N, C-alpha and C. Protein backbone atom coordinates (compact mmCIF):
# COMPACT_ATOMS: atom_id res chain seq x y z
N MET A 1 1.14 24.02 11.87
CA MET A 1 0.01 23.09 11.90
C MET A 1 0.52 21.68 12.09
N SER A 2 0.08 20.97 13.07
CA SER A 2 0.60 19.65 13.39
C SER A 2 -0.03 18.58 12.52
N SER A 3 0.76 17.55 12.21
CA SER A 3 0.24 16.42 11.45
C SER A 3 0.49 15.11 12.19
N LYS A 4 0.58 15.17 13.52
CA LYS A 4 0.83 13.98 14.31
C LYS A 4 -0.42 13.13 14.41
N LYS A 5 -0.19 11.85 14.51
CA LYS A 5 -1.28 10.89 14.53
C LYS A 5 -2.01 10.88 15.86
N SER A 6 -3.33 10.86 15.80
CA SER A 6 -4.14 10.70 17.00
C SER A 6 -4.01 9.29 17.51
N LYS A 7 -3.98 9.12 18.82
CA LYS A 7 -3.84 7.80 19.40
C LYS A 7 -5.04 6.91 19.06
N ASN A 8 -6.18 7.53 18.71
CA ASN A 8 -7.38 6.76 18.40
C ASN A 8 -7.46 6.35 16.94
N THR A 9 -6.50 6.79 16.12
CA THR A 9 -6.53 6.44 14.70
C THR A 9 -6.15 4.98 14.53
N THR A 10 -6.98 4.22 13.83
CA THR A 10 -6.73 2.79 13.65
C THR A 10 -6.01 2.54 12.35
N ALA A 11 -5.47 1.33 12.22
CA ALA A 11 -4.78 0.94 10.98
C ALA A 11 -5.73 1.00 9.80
N LYS A 12 -7.00 0.64 10.02
CA LYS A 12 -7.98 0.69 8.94
C LYS A 12 -8.18 2.11 8.46
N GLU A 13 -8.22 3.08 9.38
CA GLU A 13 -8.39 4.47 8.99
C GLU A 13 -7.19 4.99 8.23
N ILE A 14 -5.98 4.52 8.59
CA ILE A 14 -4.77 4.98 7.93
C ILE A 14 -4.81 4.65 6.45
N SER A 15 -5.33 3.49 6.10
CA SER A 15 -5.34 3.08 4.71
C SER A 15 -6.62 3.47 3.98
N GLY A 16 -7.43 4.33 4.58
CA GLY A 16 -8.73 4.64 4.02
C GLY A 16 -8.72 5.58 2.83
N PHE A 17 -7.74 6.49 2.75
CA PHE A 17 -7.71 7.47 1.68
C PHE A 17 -6.30 7.62 1.13
N CYS A 18 -6.23 8.06 -0.12
CA CYS A 18 -4.94 8.24 -0.80
C CYS A 18 -4.90 9.64 -1.42
N LEU A 19 -3.83 10.37 -1.15
CA LEU A 19 -3.62 11.70 -1.70
C LEU A 19 -2.43 11.65 -2.63
N GLU A 20 -2.56 12.23 -3.82
CA GLU A 20 -1.45 12.34 -4.76
C GLU A 20 -1.26 13.81 -5.10
N PHE A 21 0.00 14.28 -5.06
CA PHE A 21 0.22 15.68 -5.38
C PHE A 21 1.56 15.87 -6.09
N SER A 22 1.65 16.97 -6.82
CA SER A 22 2.90 17.39 -7.45
C SER A 22 2.98 18.91 -7.32
N ALA A 23 4.19 19.42 -7.26
CA ALA A 23 4.40 20.86 -7.12
C ALA A 23 5.50 21.28 -8.09
N GLY A 24 5.31 22.38 -8.77
CA GLY A 24 6.30 22.84 -9.74
C GLY A 24 6.81 24.23 -9.40
N PRO A 25 7.86 24.66 -10.07
CA PRO A 25 8.50 24.02 -11.23
C PRO A 25 9.42 22.88 -10.82
N GLY A 26 9.69 21.98 -11.79
CA GLY A 26 10.61 20.89 -11.52
C GLY A 26 12.05 21.35 -11.62
N VAL A 27 12.92 20.60 -11.01
CA VAL A 27 14.36 20.87 -11.05
C VAL A 27 15.04 19.62 -11.60
N ALA A 28 15.73 19.75 -12.72
CA ALA A 28 16.33 18.60 -13.39
C ALA A 28 17.34 17.88 -12.49
N GLY A 29 17.17 16.57 -12.38
CA GLY A 29 18.15 15.76 -11.69
C GLY A 29 18.03 15.68 -10.19
N LYS A 30 17.11 16.43 -9.60
CA LYS A 30 16.98 16.36 -8.14
C LYS A 30 15.59 16.83 -7.73
N GLN A 31 15.27 16.58 -6.49
CA GLN A 31 13.97 16.98 -5.96
C GLN A 31 14.03 18.45 -5.54
N ALA A 32 13.09 19.24 -6.04
CA ALA A 32 13.09 20.67 -5.76
C ALA A 32 12.83 20.94 -4.28
N PRO A 33 13.37 22.04 -3.75
CA PRO A 33 13.16 22.37 -2.33
C PRO A 33 11.69 22.52 -1.96
N HIS A 34 10.87 23.05 -2.88
CA HIS A 34 9.45 23.22 -2.54
C HIS A 34 8.73 21.88 -2.49
N VAL A 35 9.22 20.87 -3.23
CA VAL A 35 8.64 19.54 -3.13
C VAL A 35 9.04 18.89 -1.80
N GLN A 36 10.28 19.06 -1.43
CA GLN A 36 10.74 18.53 -0.14
C GLN A 36 9.96 19.16 1.01
N ALA A 37 9.71 20.47 0.91
CA ALA A 37 8.96 21.16 1.96
C ALA A 37 7.53 20.64 2.04
N ALA A 38 6.92 20.39 0.87
CA ALA A 38 5.55 19.87 0.87
C ALA A 38 5.49 18.46 1.45
N GLU A 39 6.45 17.61 1.08
CA GLU A 39 6.47 16.24 1.59
C GLU A 39 6.69 16.20 3.10
N ALA A 40 7.44 17.17 3.63
CA ALA A 40 7.72 17.19 5.06
C ALA A 40 6.44 17.34 5.89
N ALA A 41 5.40 17.88 5.28
CA ALA A 41 4.13 18.04 5.99
C ALA A 41 3.47 16.70 6.29
N PHE A 42 3.94 15.65 5.63
CA PHE A 42 3.34 14.33 5.81
C PHE A 42 4.28 13.36 6.52
N ASN A 43 5.28 13.88 7.22
CA ASN A 43 6.12 13.02 8.03
C ASN A 43 5.34 12.58 9.27
N GLY A 44 5.55 11.39 9.71
CA GLY A 44 4.84 10.92 10.90
C GLY A 44 4.26 9.54 10.69
N ASP A 45 3.94 8.87 11.79
CA ASP A 45 3.46 7.49 11.74
C ASP A 45 2.03 7.37 11.21
N ASN A 46 1.32 8.49 11.09
CA ASN A 46 -0.06 8.40 10.60
C ASN A 46 -0.14 8.45 9.08
N PHE A 47 1.01 8.48 8.40
CA PHE A 47 1.02 8.54 6.95
C PHE A 47 1.91 7.43 6.37
N GLU A 48 1.53 6.94 5.21
CA GLU A 48 2.37 6.07 4.39
C GLU A 48 2.68 6.86 3.13
N LYS A 49 3.97 7.14 2.88
CA LYS A 49 4.34 8.07 1.82
C LYS A 49 5.32 7.42 0.85
N SER A 50 5.14 7.72 -0.45
CA SER A 50 6.07 7.25 -1.48
C SER A 50 6.09 8.28 -2.60
N SER A 51 7.13 8.23 -3.44
CA SER A 51 7.26 9.18 -4.54
C SER A 51 7.98 8.53 -5.70
N ASN A 52 7.56 8.86 -6.92
CA ASN A 52 8.24 8.38 -8.11
C ASN A 52 9.14 9.46 -8.71
N GLY A 53 9.38 10.54 -7.94
CA GLY A 53 10.21 11.64 -8.39
C GLY A 53 9.41 12.79 -8.99
N ILE A 54 8.16 12.50 -9.36
CA ILE A 54 7.29 13.54 -9.93
C ILE A 54 6.04 13.71 -9.08
N VAL A 55 5.38 12.59 -8.79
CA VAL A 55 4.16 12.61 -8.00
C VAL A 55 4.42 11.95 -6.65
N THR A 56 3.99 12.60 -5.59
CA THR A 56 4.10 12.04 -4.24
C THR A 56 2.75 11.46 -3.85
N THR A 57 2.75 10.24 -3.32
CA THR A 57 1.53 9.56 -2.90
C THR A 57 1.56 9.40 -1.39
N VAL A 58 0.46 9.78 -0.74
CA VAL A 58 0.37 9.67 0.72
C VAL A 58 -0.94 8.97 1.08
N GLU A 59 -0.87 7.94 1.91
CA GLU A 59 -2.06 7.26 2.40
C GLU A 59 -2.28 7.63 3.86
N GLY A 60 -3.54 7.80 4.24
CA GLY A 60 -3.83 8.14 5.63
C GLY A 60 -5.32 8.33 5.85
N ALA A 61 -5.67 8.67 7.08
CA ALA A 61 -7.05 8.99 7.40
C ALA A 61 -7.38 10.36 6.80
N LEU A 62 -8.63 10.55 6.38
CA LEU A 62 -9.02 11.78 5.70
C LEU A 62 -8.74 13.05 6.52
N PRO A 63 -9.06 13.10 7.83
CA PRO A 63 -8.76 14.32 8.60
C PRO A 63 -7.27 14.64 8.62
N ASP A 64 -6.42 13.58 8.75
CA ASP A 64 -4.98 13.80 8.77
C ASP A 64 -4.48 14.29 7.41
N LEU A 65 -5.01 13.70 6.34
CA LEU A 65 -4.60 14.12 5.00
C LEU A 65 -5.00 15.57 4.73
N ALA A 66 -6.20 15.94 5.13
CA ALA A 66 -6.68 17.30 4.92
C ALA A 66 -5.81 18.31 5.68
N GLN A 67 -5.47 17.96 6.90
CA GLN A 67 -4.63 18.84 7.72
C GLN A 67 -3.23 18.93 7.13
N GLY A 68 -2.67 17.78 6.73
CA GLY A 68 -1.35 17.79 6.14
C GLY A 68 -1.31 18.51 4.81
N LEU A 69 -2.38 18.40 4.01
CA LEU A 69 -2.42 19.06 2.71
C LEU A 69 -2.37 20.57 2.85
N ALA A 70 -3.11 21.09 3.81
CA ALA A 70 -3.09 22.54 4.03
C ALA A 70 -1.68 23.02 4.34
N GLU A 71 -0.97 22.27 5.19
CA GLU A 71 0.40 22.64 5.53
C GLU A 71 1.33 22.46 4.34
N ALA A 72 1.11 21.39 3.56
CA ALA A 72 1.96 21.14 2.40
C ALA A 72 1.85 22.27 1.37
N ILE A 73 0.63 22.72 1.11
CA ILE A 73 0.44 23.82 0.15
C ILE A 73 1.14 25.08 0.64
N LEU A 74 0.96 25.38 1.91
CA LEU A 74 1.58 26.59 2.48
C LEU A 74 3.10 26.50 2.37
N GLN A 75 3.67 25.37 2.78
CA GLN A 75 5.13 25.23 2.77
C GLN A 75 5.69 25.22 1.35
N ALA A 76 4.95 24.62 0.41
CA ALA A 76 5.42 24.57 -0.97
C ALA A 76 5.54 25.97 -1.57
N PHE A 77 4.52 26.79 -1.41
CA PHE A 77 4.56 28.13 -2.01
C PHE A 77 5.54 29.04 -1.27
N GLU A 78 5.68 28.84 0.03
CA GLU A 78 6.67 29.63 0.76
C GLU A 78 8.09 29.26 0.36
N SER A 79 8.25 28.06 -0.22
CA SER A 79 9.58 27.59 -0.62
C SER A 79 9.83 27.76 -2.12
N GLY A 80 8.93 28.44 -2.82
CA GLY A 80 9.18 28.78 -4.21
C GLY A 80 8.32 28.08 -5.25
N ALA A 81 7.30 27.34 -4.85
CA ALA A 81 6.44 26.68 -5.83
C ALA A 81 5.63 27.70 -6.61
N THR A 82 5.36 27.38 -7.88
CA THR A 82 4.51 28.24 -8.71
C THR A 82 3.15 27.60 -8.97
N HIS A 83 3.05 26.30 -8.75
CA HIS A 83 1.76 25.63 -8.89
C HIS A 83 1.77 24.34 -8.06
N PHE A 84 0.58 23.88 -7.73
CA PHE A 84 0.41 22.70 -6.86
C PHE A 84 -0.84 21.97 -7.32
N ARG A 85 -0.67 20.70 -7.68
CA ARG A 85 -1.80 19.91 -8.15
C ARG A 85 -2.00 18.72 -7.21
N THR A 86 -3.25 18.41 -6.93
CA THR A 86 -3.51 17.30 -6.01
C THR A 86 -4.85 16.64 -6.28
N VAL A 87 -4.97 15.40 -5.85
CA VAL A 87 -6.24 14.67 -5.90
C VAL A 87 -6.29 13.75 -4.69
N ILE A 88 -7.45 13.64 -4.09
CA ILE A 88 -7.66 12.72 -2.98
C ILE A 88 -8.73 11.72 -3.40
N ARG A 89 -8.45 10.45 -3.19
CA ARG A 89 -9.41 9.40 -3.54
C ARG A 89 -9.49 8.39 -2.41
N THR A 90 -10.57 7.65 -2.38
CA THR A 90 -10.73 6.62 -1.36
C THR A 90 -10.04 5.35 -1.81
N ASN A 91 -9.45 4.63 -0.87
CA ASN A 91 -8.98 3.28 -1.11
C ASN A 91 -10.15 2.33 -0.96
N ASP A 92 -10.01 1.14 -1.52
CA ASP A 92 -11.07 0.14 -1.35
C ASP A 92 -11.24 -0.18 0.12
N ASP A 93 -12.48 -0.16 0.60
CA ASP A 93 -12.77 -0.47 2.00
C ASP A 93 -13.74 -1.64 2.02
N LEU A 94 -13.21 -2.84 1.98
CA LEU A 94 -14.05 -4.02 1.87
C LEU A 94 -14.62 -4.41 3.22
N SER A 95 -15.75 -5.10 3.17
CA SER A 95 -16.31 -5.68 4.38
C SER A 95 -15.46 -6.87 4.78
N ALA A 96 -15.67 -7.34 6.00
CA ALA A 96 -14.94 -8.52 6.46
C ALA A 96 -15.22 -9.71 5.56
N GLU A 97 -16.48 -9.83 5.08
CA GLU A 97 -16.84 -10.92 4.20
C GLU A 97 -16.09 -10.82 2.87
N GLY A 98 -15.94 -9.59 2.37
CA GLY A 98 -15.21 -9.39 1.12
C GLY A 98 -13.74 -9.77 1.24
N ARG A 99 -13.12 -9.42 2.36
CA ARG A 99 -11.72 -9.77 2.58
C ARG A 99 -11.56 -11.28 2.73
N GLN A 100 -12.52 -11.92 3.40
CA GLN A 100 -12.47 -13.37 3.54
C GLN A 100 -12.62 -14.05 2.17
N HIS A 101 -13.44 -13.44 1.32
CA HIS A 101 -13.64 -13.98 -0.02
C HIS A 101 -12.33 -13.94 -0.80
N ILE A 102 -11.60 -12.83 -0.71
CA ILE A 102 -10.31 -12.71 -1.39
C ILE A 102 -9.34 -13.76 -0.86
N ALA A 103 -9.28 -13.90 0.47
CA ALA A 103 -8.36 -14.86 1.06
C ALA A 103 -8.68 -16.29 0.61
N ALA A 104 -9.97 -16.60 0.54
CA ALA A 104 -10.37 -17.94 0.11
C ALA A 104 -10.00 -18.17 -1.36
N MET A 105 -10.23 -17.16 -2.20
CA MET A 105 -9.93 -17.30 -3.60
C MET A 105 -8.43 -17.37 -3.85
N GLU A 106 -7.64 -16.72 -2.99
CA GLU A 106 -6.19 -16.77 -3.15
C GLU A 106 -5.68 -18.19 -2.97
N ARG A 107 -6.23 -18.92 -2.00
CA ARG A 107 -5.82 -20.30 -1.79
C ARG A 107 -6.17 -21.17 -2.99
N VAL A 108 -7.36 -20.92 -3.56
CA VAL A 108 -7.77 -21.68 -4.74
C VAL A 108 -6.87 -21.34 -5.93
N ALA A 109 -6.62 -20.06 -6.14
CA ALA A 109 -5.79 -19.63 -7.27
C ALA A 109 -4.37 -20.19 -7.16
N ASN A 110 -3.81 -20.15 -5.95
CA ASN A 110 -2.46 -20.67 -5.76
C ASN A 110 -2.37 -22.16 -6.05
N SER A 111 -3.40 -22.89 -5.64
CA SER A 111 -3.39 -24.34 -5.86
C SER A 111 -3.47 -24.69 -7.34
N LEU A 112 -3.97 -23.76 -8.15
CA LEU A 112 -4.09 -23.99 -9.60
C LEU A 112 -2.96 -23.33 -10.37
N GLY A 113 -1.98 -22.78 -9.65
CA GLY A 113 -0.85 -22.15 -10.32
C GLY A 113 -1.09 -20.72 -10.71
N GLY A 114 -2.10 -20.09 -10.14
CA GLY A 114 -2.38 -18.68 -10.42
C GLY A 114 -2.15 -17.83 -9.19
N GLU A 115 -2.64 -16.62 -9.22
CA GLU A 115 -2.48 -15.71 -8.09
C GLU A 115 -3.59 -14.68 -8.08
N VAL A 116 -3.88 -14.16 -6.90
CA VAL A 116 -4.84 -13.06 -6.75
C VAL A 116 -4.06 -11.76 -6.72
N ILE A 117 -4.48 -10.80 -7.54
CA ILE A 117 -3.79 -9.52 -7.61
C ILE A 117 -4.76 -8.39 -7.30
N ALA A 118 -4.23 -7.22 -7.03
CA ALA A 118 -5.06 -6.06 -6.72
C ALA A 118 -5.91 -5.66 -7.92
N ALA A 119 -7.10 -5.13 -7.63
CA ALA A 119 -8.00 -4.73 -8.71
C ALA A 119 -7.37 -3.68 -9.62
N SER A 120 -6.56 -2.79 -9.04
CA SER A 120 -5.93 -1.72 -9.83
C SER A 120 -4.93 -2.26 -10.84
N ASP A 121 -4.45 -3.50 -10.64
CA ASP A 121 -3.46 -4.09 -11.55
C ASP A 121 -4.08 -5.10 -12.51
N ALA A 122 -5.40 -5.23 -12.48
CA ALA A 122 -6.06 -6.23 -13.30
C ALA A 122 -5.89 -5.94 -14.79
N ARG A 123 -5.72 -7.00 -15.57
CA ARG A 123 -5.60 -6.92 -17.03
C ARG A 123 -6.85 -7.51 -17.66
N PRO A 124 -7.09 -7.21 -18.95
CA PRO A 124 -8.30 -7.75 -19.61
C PRO A 124 -8.36 -9.27 -19.59
N GLU A 125 -7.19 -9.93 -19.65
CA GLU A 125 -7.19 -11.39 -19.69
C GLU A 125 -7.37 -12.02 -18.30
N ASP A 126 -7.31 -11.24 -17.23
CA ASP A 126 -7.48 -11.78 -15.88
C ASP A 126 -8.94 -12.10 -15.60
N ILE A 127 -9.17 -12.98 -14.65
CA ILE A 127 -10.53 -13.34 -14.24
C ILE A 127 -10.97 -12.37 -13.14
N PRO A 128 -12.01 -11.57 -13.36
CA PRO A 128 -12.42 -10.60 -12.34
C PRO A 128 -12.99 -11.28 -11.10
N LEU A 129 -12.67 -10.74 -9.94
CA LEU A 129 -13.19 -11.23 -8.67
C LEU A 129 -14.04 -10.10 -8.08
N GLU A 130 -15.37 -10.30 -8.02
CA GLU A 130 -16.28 -9.25 -7.60
C GLU A 130 -16.95 -9.59 -6.28
N TRP A 131 -17.33 -8.52 -5.58
CA TRP A 131 -18.07 -8.65 -4.32
C TRP A 131 -19.04 -7.49 -4.24
N ASP A 132 -20.32 -7.78 -4.05
CA ASP A 132 -21.36 -6.73 -4.02
C ASP A 132 -21.31 -5.89 -5.29
N ASN A 133 -21.16 -6.58 -6.44
CA ASN A 133 -21.15 -5.92 -7.75
C ASN A 133 -19.99 -4.95 -7.93
N LYS A 134 -18.90 -5.18 -7.20
CA LYS A 134 -17.73 -4.31 -7.30
C LYS A 134 -16.49 -5.15 -7.50
N LEU A 135 -15.62 -4.71 -8.44
CA LEU A 135 -14.36 -5.41 -8.67
C LEU A 135 -13.44 -5.19 -7.48
N ILE A 136 -13.07 -6.27 -6.79
CA ILE A 136 -12.23 -6.13 -5.60
C ILE A 136 -10.84 -6.74 -5.81
N ALA A 137 -10.69 -7.59 -6.81
CA ALA A 137 -9.40 -8.22 -7.10
C ALA A 137 -9.56 -8.96 -8.42
N ALA A 138 -8.52 -9.65 -8.81
CA ALA A 138 -8.57 -10.45 -10.04
C ALA A 138 -7.67 -11.67 -9.87
N VAL A 139 -7.97 -12.71 -10.61
CA VAL A 139 -7.17 -13.93 -10.59
C VAL A 139 -6.40 -14.00 -11.91
N ARG A 140 -5.09 -14.18 -11.79
CA ARG A 140 -4.23 -14.24 -12.97
C ARG A 140 -3.57 -15.61 -13.06
N SER A 141 -3.64 -16.20 -14.21
CA SER A 141 -3.00 -17.50 -14.44
C SER A 141 -1.51 -17.30 -14.65
N GLN A 142 -0.71 -18.18 -14.04
CA GLN A 142 0.74 -18.12 -14.19
C GLN A 142 1.25 -19.47 -14.67
N PRO A 143 1.17 -19.75 -15.97
CA PRO A 143 1.64 -21.05 -16.49
C PRO A 143 3.09 -21.31 -16.13
N GLY A 144 3.36 -22.52 -15.69
CA GLY A 144 4.73 -22.90 -15.38
C GLY A 144 5.21 -22.45 -14.03
N SER A 145 4.33 -21.81 -13.22
CA SER A 145 4.79 -21.30 -11.92
C SER A 145 4.03 -21.94 -10.77
N VAL A 146 3.51 -23.16 -10.98
CA VAL A 146 2.72 -23.82 -9.95
C VAL A 146 3.53 -23.99 -8.67
N ARG A 147 4.79 -24.45 -8.81
CA ARG A 147 5.58 -24.74 -7.63
C ARG A 147 5.81 -23.49 -6.79
N LYS A 148 6.15 -22.39 -7.45
CA LYS A 148 6.41 -21.17 -6.71
C LYS A 148 5.16 -20.63 -6.04
N GLN A 149 4.04 -20.66 -6.74
CA GLN A 149 2.83 -20.10 -6.16
C GLN A 149 2.32 -20.98 -5.01
N GLU A 150 2.48 -22.30 -5.14
CA GLU A 150 2.07 -23.17 -4.05
C GLU A 150 2.95 -22.97 -2.83
N SER A 151 4.21 -22.58 -3.05
CA SER A 151 5.12 -22.41 -1.94
C SER A 151 4.78 -21.19 -1.10
N LEU A 152 4.04 -20.24 -1.67
CA LEU A 152 3.71 -19.03 -0.94
C LEU A 152 2.59 -19.27 0.06
N SER A 153 1.63 -20.13 -0.29
CA SER A 153 0.47 -20.35 0.57
C SER A 153 0.82 -20.89 1.94
N PRO A 154 1.68 -21.91 2.07
CA PRO A 154 2.03 -22.40 3.41
C PRO A 154 2.72 -21.34 4.27
N VAL A 155 3.54 -20.51 3.62
CA VAL A 155 4.23 -19.45 4.37
C VAL A 155 3.23 -18.45 4.93
N MET A 156 2.22 -18.10 4.12
CA MET A 156 1.21 -17.15 4.58
C MET A 156 0.37 -17.74 5.71
N GLN A 157 0.14 -19.05 5.66
CA GLN A 157 -0.56 -19.70 6.77
C GLN A 157 0.27 -19.64 8.03
N GLN A 158 1.58 -19.81 7.90
CA GLN A 158 2.47 -19.72 9.06
C GLN A 158 2.47 -18.31 9.65
N VAL A 159 2.51 -17.30 8.79
CA VAL A 159 2.59 -15.94 9.29
C VAL A 159 1.28 -15.54 9.97
N GLU A 160 0.14 -16.05 9.48
CA GLU A 160 -1.14 -15.76 10.13
C GLU A 160 -1.25 -16.47 11.47
N GLU A 161 -0.69 -17.68 11.56
CA GLU A 161 -0.67 -18.38 12.85
C GLU A 161 0.20 -17.64 13.86
N LYS A 162 1.26 -17.01 13.38
CA LYS A 162 2.20 -16.32 14.27
C LYS A 162 1.70 -14.93 14.67
N PHE A 163 1.14 -14.18 13.71
CA PHE A 163 0.79 -12.79 13.97
C PHE A 163 -0.72 -12.54 14.08
N GLY A 164 -1.54 -13.49 13.65
CA GLY A 164 -2.98 -13.29 13.69
C GLY A 164 -3.51 -12.69 12.40
N ASP A 165 -4.69 -12.07 12.47
CA ASP A 165 -5.34 -11.47 11.31
C ASP A 165 -4.46 -10.35 10.76
N LEU A 166 -3.93 -10.52 9.56
CA LEU A 166 -2.97 -9.58 9.00
C LEU A 166 -3.57 -8.21 8.73
N GLN A 167 -4.88 -8.14 8.54
CA GLN A 167 -5.52 -6.87 8.20
C GLN A 167 -5.85 -6.02 9.43
N SER A 168 -5.78 -6.62 10.61
CA SER A 168 -6.12 -5.87 11.83
C SER A 168 -4.89 -5.49 12.64
N LEU A 169 -3.69 -5.73 12.08
CA LEU A 169 -2.46 -5.42 12.80
C LEU A 169 -2.18 -3.92 12.78
N THR A 170 -1.38 -3.46 13.74
CA THR A 170 -0.93 -2.08 13.74
C THR A 170 0.14 -1.89 12.67
N ARG A 171 0.51 -0.64 12.43
CA ARG A 171 1.54 -0.33 11.43
C ARG A 171 2.86 -1.02 11.79
N GLN A 172 3.24 -0.98 13.06
CA GLN A 172 4.49 -1.60 13.49
C GLN A 172 4.43 -3.12 13.34
N GLN A 173 3.28 -3.70 13.66
CA GLN A 173 3.13 -5.15 13.52
C GLN A 173 3.19 -5.57 12.06
N LYS A 174 2.61 -4.76 11.16
CA LYS A 174 2.68 -5.08 9.74
C LYS A 174 4.12 -5.02 9.24
N ARG A 175 4.86 -4.05 9.77
CA ARG A 175 6.28 -3.98 9.40
C ARG A 175 7.02 -5.22 9.89
N GLU A 176 6.69 -5.70 11.07
CA GLU A 176 7.31 -6.92 11.60
C GLU A 176 6.97 -8.12 10.71
N VAL A 177 5.74 -8.16 10.19
CA VAL A 177 5.35 -9.24 9.29
C VAL A 177 6.20 -9.20 8.02
N ILE A 178 6.35 -7.99 7.44
CA ILE A 178 7.15 -7.84 6.22
C ILE A 178 8.59 -8.27 6.49
N ASN A 179 9.11 -7.90 7.65
CA ASN A 179 10.48 -8.28 8.01
C ASN A 179 10.59 -9.81 8.12
N TRP A 180 9.60 -10.42 8.75
CA TRP A 180 9.58 -11.88 8.92
C TRP A 180 9.56 -12.59 7.56
N LEU A 181 8.75 -12.07 6.65
CA LEU A 181 8.66 -12.65 5.31
C LEU A 181 9.94 -12.43 4.53
N ASP A 182 10.52 -11.25 4.68
CA ASP A 182 11.76 -10.93 3.95
C ASP A 182 12.91 -11.83 4.40
N GLU A 183 12.97 -12.11 5.69
CA GLU A 183 14.03 -12.98 6.22
C GLU A 183 13.94 -14.38 5.63
N ARG A 184 12.74 -14.77 5.22
CA ARG A 184 12.54 -16.10 4.64
C ARG A 184 12.50 -16.06 3.11
N GLU A 185 12.93 -14.91 2.55
CA GLU A 185 13.09 -14.74 1.10
C GLU A 185 11.78 -14.93 0.35
N VAL A 186 10.66 -14.62 1.01
CA VAL A 186 9.36 -14.77 0.36
C VAL A 186 9.22 -13.83 -0.83
N PHE A 187 9.85 -12.66 -0.76
CA PHE A 187 9.68 -11.67 -1.81
C PHE A 187 10.47 -11.99 -3.08
N GLN A 188 11.20 -13.12 -3.06
CA GLN A 188 11.82 -13.58 -4.28
C GLN A 188 10.84 -14.33 -5.17
N VAL A 189 9.69 -14.72 -4.60
CA VAL A 189 8.65 -15.37 -5.39
C VAL A 189 7.98 -14.34 -6.28
N ARG A 190 7.79 -14.66 -7.52
CA ARG A 190 7.21 -13.73 -8.49
C ARG A 190 5.82 -13.27 -8.05
N LYS A 191 5.60 -11.96 -8.10
CA LYS A 191 4.33 -11.32 -7.77
C LYS A 191 3.96 -11.46 -6.28
N SER A 192 4.92 -11.79 -5.45
CA SER A 192 4.61 -11.96 -4.03
C SER A 192 4.20 -10.64 -3.38
N VAL A 193 4.78 -9.52 -3.82
CA VAL A 193 4.43 -8.21 -3.23
C VAL A 193 2.95 -7.93 -3.43
N GLU A 194 2.44 -8.15 -4.64
CA GLU A 194 1.04 -7.90 -4.91
C GLU A 194 0.14 -8.80 -4.06
N SER A 195 0.48 -10.08 -4.00
CA SER A 195 -0.34 -11.03 -3.24
C SER A 195 -0.37 -10.69 -1.75
N ILE A 196 0.79 -10.33 -1.20
CA ILE A 196 0.87 -10.00 0.22
C ILE A 196 0.17 -8.69 0.50
N ALA A 197 0.26 -7.73 -0.42
CA ALA A 197 -0.43 -6.45 -0.24
C ALA A 197 -1.94 -6.65 -0.16
N VAL A 198 -2.47 -7.52 -1.03
CA VAL A 198 -3.90 -7.81 -1.00
C VAL A 198 -4.27 -8.50 0.31
N ARG A 199 -3.44 -9.48 0.73
CA ARG A 199 -3.73 -10.22 1.96
C ARG A 199 -3.72 -9.29 3.18
N MET A 200 -2.82 -8.30 3.21
CA MET A 200 -2.69 -7.41 4.37
C MET A 200 -3.53 -6.15 4.23
N LYS A 201 -4.17 -5.98 3.05
CA LYS A 201 -4.98 -4.80 2.76
C LYS A 201 -4.19 -3.50 2.89
N ILE A 202 -3.01 -3.52 2.28
CA ILE A 202 -2.19 -2.33 2.16
C ILE A 202 -1.76 -2.21 0.70
N SER A 203 -1.21 -1.09 0.32
CA SER A 203 -0.80 -0.89 -1.06
C SER A 203 0.56 -1.53 -1.33
N ARG A 204 0.85 -1.75 -2.60
CA ARG A 204 2.17 -2.25 -2.97
C ARG A 204 3.25 -1.26 -2.56
N ALA A 205 2.94 0.04 -2.69
CA ALA A 205 3.92 1.06 -2.29
C ALA A 205 4.27 0.95 -0.82
N THR A 206 3.27 0.63 0.01
CA THR A 206 3.52 0.47 1.44
C THR A 206 4.43 -0.72 1.69
N VAL A 207 4.21 -1.83 0.99
CA VAL A 207 5.07 -3.01 1.14
C VAL A 207 6.51 -2.65 0.77
N TYR A 208 6.68 -1.94 -0.35
CA TYR A 208 8.03 -1.55 -0.77
C TYR A 208 8.66 -0.58 0.22
N ASN A 209 7.86 0.32 0.78
CA ASN A 209 8.39 1.24 1.78
C ASN A 209 8.91 0.50 3.00
N TYR A 210 8.14 -0.49 3.46
CA TYR A 210 8.58 -1.30 4.60
C TYR A 210 9.87 -2.04 4.27
N LEU A 211 9.92 -2.64 3.07
CA LEU A 211 11.11 -3.38 2.67
C LEU A 211 12.34 -2.49 2.61
N ASN A 212 12.17 -1.31 2.02
CA ASN A 212 13.30 -0.38 1.92
C ASN A 212 13.80 0.04 3.28
N ALA A 213 12.86 0.33 4.19
CA ALA A 213 13.25 0.74 5.55
C ALA A 213 13.96 -0.39 6.28
N ILE A 214 13.47 -1.61 6.13
CA ILE A 214 14.08 -2.77 6.79
C ILE A 214 15.47 -3.06 6.25
N ARG A 215 15.60 -3.03 4.94
CA ARG A 215 16.87 -3.39 4.32
C ARG A 215 17.93 -2.30 4.42
N ASN A 216 17.50 -1.07 4.74
CA ASN A 216 18.46 0.04 4.88
C ASN A 216 18.81 0.35 6.32
N GLN A 217 18.35 -0.49 7.25
CA GLN A 217 18.65 -0.28 8.67
C GLN A 217 20.16 -0.47 8.91
């Protein structure tokens, strides 16, 4: 069963859904063969994949995830799995107005020494940022970090002038953006990964995947 990306699949569709799965039994100290076999079903440019050693997370379009999941289950059990657990959930799919609202609030937060973070990372003390009665992000105060947070905003303006709308770029173009930012040591700024992930409408795991691939070339 093929899991190759359709030429008509857009970057927005790729980030539309998230699949998390685990397969047992576990093998101490290394990744079990049946887990490797299951993960192989999601190789390809139409997926963004990461793992913490126990749970594998895959982002993609729903039809691609469904097709890959069927192959992953088959390959896992053929390779010795005794059980397979999974969940598929939607990623936040904001309107253009909602994304513009986040971008505008990020500039305000940075100027006050704070930052905009993903809704999934929000803490009780953070200021909720809502759109259409839905939590879409949060503003976190960073005392003593005004200089660093202000330094991030001009860089993001430069990258948008160079590459255009960061949320409408292709996967390869987003990787080029991450590379451009990494060359300028932007990721040394505290919480920069979270801020850039929100600005580009990708997950933190995707940012780290790009960074790992770039730095291991």
